[in-house]
PDB file of all heavy atoms in Angstrom:
ATOM      1  N   ALA A   1       7.590 165.054  27.202  1.00  0.00           N
ATOM      2  CA  ALA A   1       8.822 164.939  28.065  1.00  0.00           C
ATOM      3  C   ALA A   1       8.546 165.080  29.571  1.00  0.00           C
ATOM      4  O   ALA A   1       9.372 164.554  30.331  1.00  0.00           O
ATOM      5  CB  ALA A   1       9.849 166.037  27.586  1.00  0.00           C
ATOM      6  N   ASP A   2       7.519 165.776  29.847  1.00  0.00           N
ATOM      7  CA  ASP A   2       7.251 165.930  31.326  1.00  0.00           C
ATOM      8  C   ASP A   2       5.758 166.027  31.554  1.00  0.00           C
ATOM      9  O   ASP A   2       4.961 166.099  30.669  1.00  0.00           O
ATOM     10  CB  ASP A   2       7.923 167.214  31.814  1.00  0.00           C
ATOM     11  CG  ASP A   2       7.575 168.471  30.978  1.00  0.00           C
ATOM     12  OD1 ASP A   2       6.650 168.408  30.189  1.00  0.00           O
ATOM     13  OD2 ASP A   2       8.137 169.541  31.158  1.00  0.00           O
ATOM     14  N   GLY A   3       5.394 166.025  32.830  1.00  0.00           N
ATOM     15  CA  GLY A   3       4.012 166.153  33.219  1.00  0.00           C
ATOM     16  C   GLY A   3       3.310 164.764  33.399  1.00  0.00           C
ATOM     17  O   GLY A   3       3.818 163.747  32.784  1.00  0.00           O
ATOM     18  N   PRO A   4       2.273 164.653  34.223  1.00  0.00           N
ATOM     19  CA  PRO A   4       1.492 163.432  34.420  1.00  0.00           C
ATOM     20  C   PRO A   4       0.940 163.028  33.035  1.00  0.00           C
ATOM     21  O   PRO A   4       0.477 163.829  32.215  1.00  0.00           O
ATOM     22  CB  PRO A   4       0.403 163.838  35.396  1.00  0.00           C
ATOM     23  CG  PRO A   4       0.882 165.081  35.995  1.00  0.00           C
ATOM     24  CD  PRO A   4       1.801 165.736  35.042  1.00  0.00           C
ATOM     25  N   VAL A   5       0.801 161.673  32.826  1.00  0.00           N
ATOM     26  CA  VAL A   5       0.299 161.069  31.588  1.00  0.00           C
ATOM     27  C   VAL A   5      -0.633 159.991  31.906  1.00  0.00           C
ATOM     28  O   VAL A   5      -0.426 159.174  32.761  1.00  0.00           O
ATOM     29  CB  VAL A   5       1.486 160.540  30.812  1.00  0.00           C
ATOM     30  CG1 VAL A   5       0.996 159.692  29.573  1.00  0.00           C
ATOM     31  CG2 VAL A   5       2.447 161.555  30.359  1.00  0.00           C
ATOM     32  N   LEU A   6      -1.789 160.054  31.169  1.00  0.00           N
ATOM     33  CA  LEU A   6      -2.748 158.919  31.143  1.00  0.00           C
ATOM     34  C   LEU A   6      -2.494 158.208  29.810  1.00  0.00           C
ATOM     35  O   LEU A   6      -2.652 158.787  28.717  1.00  0.00           O
ATOM     36  CB  LEU A   6      -4.132 159.396  31.175  1.00  0.00           C
ATOM     37  CG  LEU A   6      -5.202 158.366  30.919  1.00  0.00           C
ATOM     38  CD1 LEU A   6      -5.246 157.263  31.905  1.00  0.00           C
ATOM     39  CD2 LEU A   6      -6.630 159.097  30.844  1.00  0.00           C
ATOM     40  N   TYR A   7      -1.957 156.990  29.913  1.00  0.00           N
ATOM     41  CA  TYR A   7      -1.483 156.278  28.729  1.00  0.00           C
ATOM     42  C   TYR A   7      -2.436 155.075  28.352  1.00  0.00           C
ATOM     43  O   TYR A   7      -2.755 154.154  29.281  1.00  0.00           O
ATOM     44  CB  TYR A   7      -0.086 155.650  28.976  1.00  0.00           C
ATOM     45  CG  TYR A   7       0.569 155.008  27.812  1.00  0.00           C
ATOM     46  CD1 TYR A   7       1.248 155.753  26.731  1.00  0.00           C
ATOM     47  CD2 TYR A   7       0.443 153.592  27.658  1.00  0.00           C
ATOM     48  CE1 TYR A   7       1.844 155.072  25.711  1.00  0.00           C
ATOM     49  CE2 TYR A   7       1.038 152.999  26.523  1.00  0.00           C
ATOM     50  CZ  TYR A   7       1.751 153.693  25.657  1.00  0.00           C
ATOM     51  OH  TYR A   7       2.270 153.081  24.513  1.00  0.00           O
ATOM     52  N   ILE A   8      -3.071 155.123  27.210  1.00  0.00           N
ATOM     53  CA  ILE A   8      -3.920 154.078  26.799  1.00  0.00           C
ATOM     54  C   ILE A   8      -3.243 153.252  25.760  1.00  0.00           C
ATOM     55  O   ILE A   8      -2.796 153.786  24.659  1.00  0.00           O
ATOM     56  CB  ILE A   8      -5.285 154.585  26.228  1.00  0.00           C
ATOM     57  CG1 ILE A   8      -5.911 155.582  27.199  1.00  0.00           C
ATOM     58  CG2 ILE A   8      -6.269 153.451  25.889  1.00  0.00           C
ATOM     59  CD1 ILE A   8      -6.449 155.055  28.357  1.00  0.00           C
ATOM     60  N   GLY A   9      -2.988 152.001  26.024  1.00  0.00           N
ATOM     61  CA  GLY A   9      -2.193 151.169  25.026  1.00  0.00           C
ATOM     62  C   GLY A   9      -2.164 149.673  25.520  1.00  0.00           C
ATOM     63  O   GLY A   9      -2.356 149.382  26.690  1.00  0.00           O
ATOM     64  N   THR A  10      -1.818 148.797  24.508  1.00  0.00           N
ATOM     65  CA  THR A  10      -1.753 147.406  24.840  1.00  0.00           C
ATOM     66  C   THR A  10      -0.366 147.010  25.344  1.00  0.00           C
ATOM     67  O   THR A  10      -0.264 145.899  25.958  1.00  0.00           O
ATOM     68  CB  THR A  10      -2.097 146.626  23.622  1.00  0.00           C
ATOM     69  OG1 THR A  10      -1.213 146.952  22.534  1.00  0.00           O
ATOM     70  CG2 THR A  10      -3.551 146.829  23.158  1.00  0.00           C
ATOM     71  N   THR A  11       0.627 147.833  25.116  1.00  0.00           N
ATOM     72  CA  THR A  11       2.011 147.548  25.673  1.00  0.00           C
ATOM     73  C   THR A  11       2.313 148.597  26.687  1.00  0.00           C
ATOM     74  O   THR A  11       1.744 149.710  26.661  1.00  0.00           O
ATOM     75  CB  THR A  11       2.956 147.609  24.494  1.00  0.00           C
ATOM     76  OG1 THR A  11       2.938 148.853  23.833  1.00  0.00           O
ATOM     77  CG2 THR A  11       2.653 146.478  23.409  1.00  0.00           C
ATOM     78  N   PRO A  12       3.262 148.295  27.523  1.00  0.00           N
ATOM     79  CA  PRO A  12       3.623 149.233  28.646  1.00  0.00           C
ATOM     80  C   PRO A  12       4.179 150.566  28.084  1.00  0.00           C
ATOM     81  O   PRO A  12       4.784 150.562  26.991  1.00  0.00           O
ATOM     82  CB  PRO A  12       4.663 148.477  29.546  1.00  0.00           C
ATOM     83  CG  PRO A  12       4.435 147.043  29.176  1.00  0.00           C
ATOM     84  CD  PRO A  12       4.022 146.947  27.735  1.00  0.00           C
ATOM     85  N   PRO A  13       4.009 151.579  28.782  1.00  0.00           N
ATOM     86  CA  PRO A  13       4.661 152.844  28.353  1.00  0.00           C
ATOM     87  C   PRO A  13       6.154 152.778  28.373  1.00  0.00           C
ATOM     88  O   PRO A  13       6.688 152.062  29.162  1.00  0.00           O
ATOM     89  CB  PRO A  13       4.165 153.883  29.377  1.00  0.00           C
ATOM     90  CG  PRO A  13       2.983 153.312  30.055  1.00  0.00           C
ATOM     91  CD  PRO A  13       3.193 151.825  30.008  1.00  0.00           C
ATOM     92  N   PRO A  14       6.781 153.314  27.393  1.00  0.00           N
ATOM     93  CA  PRO A  14       8.308 153.156  27.329  1.00  0.00           C
ATOM     94  C   PRO A  14       8.981 153.830  28.552  1.00  0.00           C
ATOM     95  O   PRO A  14       8.499 154.797  29.067  1.00  0.00           O
ATOM     96  CB  PRO A  14       8.729 154.012  26.068  1.00  0.00           C
ATOM     97  CG  PRO A  14       7.472 154.024  25.247  1.00  0.00           C
ATOM     98  CD  PRO A  14       6.295 154.001  26.220  1.00  0.00           C
ATOM     99  N   GLY A  15       9.978 153.201  29.038  1.00  0.00           N
ATOM    100  CA  GLY A  15      10.702 153.704  30.210  1.00  0.00           C
ATOM    101  C   GLY A  15      10.068 153.383  31.607  1.00  0.00           C
ATOM    102  O   GLY A  15      10.483 153.970  32.594  1.00  0.00           O
ATOM    103  N   THR A  16       9.090 152.474  31.619  1.00  0.00           N
ATOM    104  CA  THR A  16       8.442 152.125  32.850  1.00  0.00           C
ATOM    105  C   THR A  16       8.577 150.619  33.142  1.00  0.00           C
ATOM    106  O   THR A  16       8.766 149.811  32.172  1.00  0.00           O
ATOM    107  CB  THR A  16       6.972 152.504  32.840  1.00  0.00           C
ATOM    108  OG1 THR A  16       6.261 151.774  31.808  1.00  0.00           O
ATOM    109  CG2 THR A  16       6.752 153.991  32.553  1.00  0.00           C
ATOM    110  N   THR A  17       8.441 150.274  34.333  1.00  0.00           N
ATOM    111  CA  THR A  17       8.471 148.783  34.728  1.00  0.00           C
ATOM    112  C   THR A  17       7.079 148.510  35.367  1.00  0.00           C
ATOM    113  O   THR A  17       6.742 148.925  36.488  1.00  0.00           O
ATOM    114  CB  THR A  17       9.516 148.622  35.792  1.00  0.00           C
ATOM    115  OG1 THR A  17      10.813 148.924  35.274  1.00  0.00           O
ATOM    116  CG2 THR A  17       9.536 147.084  36.171  1.00  0.00           C
ATOM    117  N   PRO A  18       6.281 147.737  34.623  1.00  0.00           N
ATOM    118  CA  PRO A  18       4.873 147.509  35.084  1.00  0.00           C
ATOM    119  C   PRO A  18       4.967 146.616  36.375  1.00  0.00           C
ATOM    120  O   PRO A  18       5.862 145.824  36.646  1.00  0.00           O
ATOM    121  CB  PRO A  18       4.287 146.637  33.945  1.00  0.00           C
ATOM    122  CG  PRO A  18       5.133 147.006  32.718  1.00  0.00           C
ATOM    123  CD  PRO A  18       6.545 147.217  33.218  1.00  0.00           C
ATOM    124  N   LYS A  19       3.973 146.865  37.225  1.00  0.00           N
ATOM    125  CA  LYS A  19       3.781 146.006  38.439  1.00  0.00           C
ATOM    126  C   LYS A  19       3.069 144.759  38.150  1.00  0.00           C
ATOM    127  O   LYS A  19       3.387 143.711  38.777  1.00  0.00           O
ATOM    128  CB  LYS A  19       3.051 146.931  39.457  1.00  0.00           C
ATOM    129  CG  LYS A  19       3.772 148.171  39.813  1.00  0.00           C
ATOM    130  CD  LYS A  19       2.964 149.131  40.738  1.00  0.00           C
ATOM    131  CE  LYS A  19       3.642 150.419  40.978  1.00  0.00           C
ATOM    132  NZ  LYS A  19       2.861 151.334  41.855  1.00  0.00           N
ATOM    133  N   LEU A  20       2.163 144.846  37.168  1.00  0.00           N
ATOM    134  CA  LEU A  20       1.549 143.583  36.683  1.00  0.00           C
ATOM    135  C   LEU A  20       2.377 143.046  35.526  1.00  0.00           C
ATOM    136  O   LEU A  20       2.476 143.790  34.539  1.00  0.00           O
ATOM    137  CB  LEU A  20       0.105 143.810  36.261  1.00  0.00           C
ATOM    138  CG  LEU A  20      -1.021 143.840  37.316  1.00  0.00           C
ATOM    139  CD1 LEU A  20      -2.288 144.187  36.722  1.00  0.00           C
ATOM    140  CD2 LEU A  20      -1.065 142.550  38.038  1.00  0.00           C
ATOM    141  N   GLY A  21       2.847 141.833  35.600  1.00  0.00           N
ATOM    142  CA  GLY A  21       3.508 141.254  34.493  1.00  0.00           C
ATOM    143  C   GLY A  21       2.585 140.672  33.470  1.00  0.00           C
ATOM    144  O   GLY A  21       1.656 139.908  33.897  1.00  0.00           O
ATOM    145  N   LEU A  22       2.690 141.018  32.205  1.00  0.00           N
ATOM    146  CA  LEU A  22       1.815 140.531  31.165  1.00  0.00           C
ATOM    147  C   LEU A  22       2.671 139.906  30.139  1.00  0.00           C
ATOM    148  O   LEU A  22       3.213 140.595  29.179  1.00  0.00           O
ATOM    149  CB  LEU A  22       0.992 141.666  30.568  1.00  0.00           C
ATOM    150  CG  LEU A  22       0.137 142.506  31.609  1.00  0.00           C
ATOM    151  CD1 LEU A  22      -0.565 143.728  30.856  1.00  0.00           C
ATOM    152  CD2 LEU A  22      -0.938 141.671  32.211  1.00  0.00           C
ATOM    153  N   ALA A  23       2.778 138.594  30.193  1.00  0.00           N
ATOM    154  CA  ALA A  23       3.662 137.896  29.236  1.00  0.00           C
ATOM    155  C   ALA A  23       3.204 136.416  29.231  1.00  0.00           C
ATOM    156  O   ALA A  23       2.722 135.823  30.238  1.00  0.00           O
ATOM    157  CB  ALA A  23       5.154 137.956  29.618  1.00  0.00           C
ATOM    158  N   ASN A  24       3.412 135.795  27.965  1.00  0.00           N
ATOM    159  CA  ASN A  24       3.041 134.410  27.804  1.00  0.00           C
ATOM    160  C   ASN A  24       1.640 134.038  28.194  1.00  0.00           C
ATOM    161  O   ASN A  24       1.414 132.921  28.707  1.00  0.00           O
ATOM    162  CB  ASN A  24       4.088 133.479  28.525  1.00  0.00           C
ATOM    163  CG  ASN A  24       5.487 133.795  28.145  1.00  0.00           C
ATOM    164  OD1 ASN A  24       5.807 134.014  26.942  1.00  0.00           O
ATOM    165  ND2 ASN A  24       6.454 133.811  29.160  1.00  0.00           N
ATOM    166  N   GLY A  25       0.700 135.058  27.967  1.00  0.00           N
ATOM    167  CA  GLY A  25      -0.634 134.768  28.285  1.00  0.00           C
ATOM    168  C   GLY A  25      -0.985 134.618  29.792  1.00  0.00           C
ATOM    169  O   GLY A  25      -2.070 134.105  30.174  1.00  0.00           O
ATOM    170  N   ARG A  26      -0.100 135.213  30.631  1.00  0.00           N
ATOM    171  CA  ARG A  26      -0.293 135.168  32.058  1.00  0.00           C
ATOM    172  C   ARG A  26      -0.297 136.484  32.640  1.00  0.00           C
ATOM    173  O   ARG A  26       0.298 137.513  32.089  1.00  0.00           O
ATOM    174  CB  ARG A  26       0.868 134.378  32.732  1.00  0.00           C
ATOM    175  CG  ARG A  26       1.004 132.888  32.242  1.00  0.00           C
ATOM    176  CD  ARG A  26      -0.022 131.968  32.466  1.00  0.00           C
ATOM    177  NE  ARG A  26      -0.277 131.726  33.892  1.00  0.00           N
ATOM    178  CZ  ARG A  26      -1.189 130.968  34.384  1.00  0.00           C
ATOM    179  NH1 ARG A  26      -2.063 130.311  33.557  1.00  0.00           N
ATOM    180  NH2 ARG A  26      -1.294 130.805  35.689  1.00  0.00           N
ATOM    181  N   ILE A  27      -0.955 136.768  33.766  1.00  0.00           N
ATOM    182  CA  ILE A  27      -0.933 137.954  34.629  1.00  0.00           C
ATOM    183  C   ILE A  27      -0.223 137.646  35.874  1.00  0.00           C
ATOM    184  O   ILE A  27      -0.729 136.763  36.656  1.00  0.00           O
ATOM    185  CB  ILE A  27      -2.267 138.545  34.809  1.00  0.00           C
ATOM    186  CG1 ILE A  27      -3.002 138.862  33.543  1.00  0.00           C
ATOM    187  CG2 ILE A  27      -2.241 139.808  35.739  1.00  0.00           C
ATOM    188  CD1 ILE A  27      -4.419 139.384  33.678  1.00  0.00           C
ATOM    189  N   THR A  28       0.891 138.308  36.231  1.00  0.00           N
ATOM    190  CA  THR A  28       1.629 137.959  37.375  1.00  0.00           C
ATOM    191  C   THR A  28       1.913 139.293  38.173  1.00  0.00           C
ATOM    192  O   THR A  28       2.011 140.287  37.697  1.00  0.00           O
ATOM    193  CB  THR A  28       2.974 137.334  37.078  1.00  0.00           C
ATOM    194  OG1 THR A  28       3.752 138.174  36.250  1.00  0.00           O
ATOM    195  CG2 THR A  28       2.771 135.977  36.403  1.00  0.00           C
ATOM    196  N   LEU A  29       1.906 139.083  39.543  1.00  0.00           N
ATOM    197  CA  LEU A  29       2.102 140.216  40.428  1.00  0.00           C
ATOM    198  C   LEU A  29       2.775 139.543  41.712  1.00  0.00           C
ATOM    199  O   LEU A  29       2.242 138.768  42.310  1.00  0.00           O
ATOM    200  CB  LEU A  29       0.844 140.840  40.774  1.00  0.00           C
ATOM    201  CG  LEU A  29       0.912 141.932  41.893  1.00  0.00           C
ATOM    202  CD1 LEU A  29       1.825 143.150  41.373  1.00  0.00           C
ATOM    203  CD2 LEU A  29      -0.471 142.468  42.297  1.00  0.00           C
ATOM    204  N   ALA A  30       3.971 140.063  41.974  1.00  0.00           N
ATOM    205  CA  ALA A  30       4.692 139.585  43.093  1.00  0.00           C
ATOM    206  C   ALA A  30       5.340 140.824  43.781  1.00  0.00           C
ATOM    207  O   ALA A  30       6.166 141.500  43.225  1.00  0.00           O
ATOM    208  CB  ALA A  30       5.840 138.589  42.723  1.00  0.00           C
ATOM    209  N   ASP A  31       4.902 141.018  45.023  1.00  0.00           N
ATOM    210  CA  ASP A  31       5.466 142.208  45.808  1.00  0.00           C
ATOM    211  C   ASP A  31       5.327 141.894  47.311  1.00  0.00           C
ATOM    212  O   ASP A  31       4.266 141.559  47.792  1.00  0.00           O
ATOM    213  CB  ASP A  31       4.628 143.445  45.449  1.00  0.00           C
ATOM    214  CG  ASP A  31       5.400 144.677  45.933  1.00  0.00           C
ATOM    215  OD1 ASP A  31       5.924 144.705  47.126  1.00  0.00           O
ATOM    216  OD2 ASP A  31       5.574 145.629  45.158  1.00  0.00           O
ATOM    217  N   ASP A  32       6.439 141.838  48.029  1.00  0.00           N
ATOM    218  CA  ASP A  32       6.372 141.490  49.365  1.00  0.00           C
ATOM    219  C   ASP A  32       5.649 142.501  50.308  1.00  0.00           C
ATOM    220  O   ASP A  32       5.239 142.228  51.364  1.00  0.00           O
ATOM    221  CB  ASP A  32       7.850 141.254  49.931  1.00  0.00           C
ATOM    222  CG  ASP A  32       8.659 142.559  49.742  1.00  0.00           C
ATOM    223  OD1 ASP A  32       8.133 143.485  49.121  1.00  0.00           O
ATOM    224  OD2 ASP A  32       9.861 142.533  50.241  1.00  0.00           O
ATOM    225  N   LYS A  33       5.412 143.699  49.825  1.00  0.00           N
ATOM    226  CA  LYS A  33       4.711 144.652  50.513  1.00  0.00           C
ATOM    227  C   LYS A  33       3.178 144.646  50.207  1.00  0.00           C
ATOM    228  O   LYS A  33       2.413 145.279  50.903  1.00  0.00           O
ATOM    229  CB  LYS A  33       5.226 146.085  50.338  1.00  0.00           C
ATOM    230  CG  LYS A  33       6.709 146.345  50.769  1.00  0.00           C
ATOM    231  CD  LYS A  33       7.137 147.783  50.503  1.00  0.00           C
ATOM    232  CE  LYS A  33       8.553 147.972  50.933  1.00  0.00           C
ATOM    233  NZ  LYS A  33       8.918 149.367  50.663  1.00  0.00           N
ATOM    234  N   GLY A  34       2.838 144.033  49.102  1.00  0.00           N
ATOM    235  CA  GLY A  34       1.470 144.158  48.664  1.00  0.00           C
ATOM    236  C   GLY A  34       0.482 143.183  49.318  1.00  0.00           C
ATOM    237  O   GLY A  34       0.790 142.583  50.245  1.00  0.00           O
ATOM    238  N   GLN A  35      -0.778 143.195  48.729  1.00  0.00           N
ATOM    239  CA  GLN A  35      -1.776 142.380  49.312  1.00  0.00           C
ATOM    240  C   GLN A  35      -1.737 140.949  48.987  1.00  0.00           C
ATOM    241  O   GLN A  35      -2.116 140.029  49.679  1.00  0.00           O
ATOM    242  CB  GLN A  35      -3.191 142.982  48.814  1.00  0.00           C
ATOM    243  CG  GLN A  35      -3.417 144.337  49.437  1.00  0.00           C
ATOM    244  CD  GLN A  35      -4.778 144.879  48.890  1.00  0.00           C
ATOM    245  OE1 GLN A  35      -4.825 145.460  47.875  1.00  0.00           O
ATOM    246  NE2 GLN A  35      -5.851 144.582  49.617  1.00  0.00           N
ATOM    247  N   ALA A  36      -1.277 140.651  47.697  1.00  0.00           N
ATOM    248  CA  ALA A  36      -1.320 139.202  47.262  1.00  0.00           C
ATOM    249  C   ALA A  36      -0.345 139.015  46.091  1.00  0.00           C
ATOM    250  O   ALA A  36       0.033 139.906  45.415  1.00  0.00           O
ATOM    251  CB  ALA A  36      -2.796 138.993  46.640  1.00  0.00           C
ATOM    252  N   ASP A  37       0.017 137.760  45.974  1.00  0.00           N
ATOM    253  CA  ASP A  37       0.847 137.308  44.790  1.00  0.00           C
ATOM    254  C   ASP A  37      -0.096 136.682  43.819  1.00  0.00           C
ATOM    255  O   ASP A  37      -0.955 135.905  44.230  1.00  0.00           O
ATOM    256  CB  ASP A  37       1.864 136.280  45.274  1.00  0.00           C
ATOM    257  CG  ASP A  37       2.965 136.936  46.095  1.00  0.00           C
ATOM    258  OD1 ASP A  37       3.151 138.164  45.986  1.00  0.00           O
ATOM    259  OD2 ASP A  37       3.645 136.204  46.899  1.00  0.00           O
ATOM    260  N   ILE A  38      -0.041 137.069  42.583  1.00  0.00           N
ATOM    261  CA  ILE A  38      -1.000 136.674  41.526  1.00  0.00           C
ATOM    262  C   ILE A  38      -0.252 135.949  40.376  1.00  0.00           C
ATOM    263  O   ILE A  38       0.841 136.407  39.950  1.00  0.00           O
ATOM    264  CB  ILE A  38      -1.784 137.857  41.033  1.00  0.00           C
ATOM    265  CG1 ILE A  38      -2.654 138.480  42.134  1.00  0.00           C
ATOM    266  CG2 ILE A  38      -2.663 137.531  39.879  1.00  0.00           C
ATOM    267  CD1 ILE A  38      -3.433 139.666  41.728  1.00  0.00           C
ATOM    268  N   ASP A  39      -0.812 134.888  39.947  1.00  0.00           N
ATOM    269  CA  ASP A  39      -0.396 134.268  38.709  1.00  0.00           C
ATOM    270  C   ASP A  39      -1.649 133.680  38.040  1.00  0.00           C
ATOM    271  O   ASP A  39      -2.140 132.596  38.420  1.00  0.00           O
ATOM    272  CB  ASP A  39       0.645 133.185  38.994  1.00  0.00           C
ATOM    273  CG  ASP A  39       1.222 132.586  37.706  1.00  0.00           C
ATOM    274  OD1 ASP A  39       0.723 132.904  36.620  1.00  0.00           O
ATOM    275  OD2 ASP A  39       2.163 131.774  37.764  1.00  0.00           O
ATOM    276  N   LEU A  40      -2.291 134.360  37.060  1.00  0.00           N
ATOM    277  CA  LEU A  40      -3.507 134.035  36.547  1.00  0.00           C
ATOM    278  C   LEU A  40      -3.433 134.051  35.042  1.00  0.00           C
ATOM    279  O   LEU A  40      -2.556 134.783  34.422  1.00  0.00           O
ATOM    280  CB  LEU A  40      -4.603 134.985  36.906  1.00  0.00           C
ATOM    281  CG  LEU A  40      -4.922 135.139  38.375  1.00  0.00           C
ATOM    282  CD1 LEU A  40      -5.838 136.260  38.641  1.00  0.00           C
ATOM    283  CD2 LEU A  40      -5.486 133.853  38.921  1.00  0.00           C
ATOM    284  N   PRO A  41      -4.265 133.297  34.268  1.00  0.00           N
ATOM    285  CA  PRO A  41      -4.288 133.374  32.802  1.00  0.00           C
ATOM    286  C   PRO A  41      -4.828 134.723  32.418  1.00  0.00           C
ATOM    287  O   PRO A  41      -5.795 135.276  33.075  1.00  0.00           O
ATOM    288  CB  PRO A  41      -5.133 132.222  32.420  1.00  0.00           C
ATOM    289  CG  PRO A  41      -6.003 131.854  33.636  1.00  0.00           C
ATOM    290  CD  PRO A  41      -5.189 132.270  34.853  1.00  0.00           C
TER     291      PRO A  41
END
């Protein structure tokens, strides 16, 4: 319920919004503050 967590798993931790999108065999990352926009297999 509380405290920092190191989560090992193939799916995102419940209740979180991943920064890297992992869907349809693609890796996507879009953030106007970040270093790069990514769309890779």
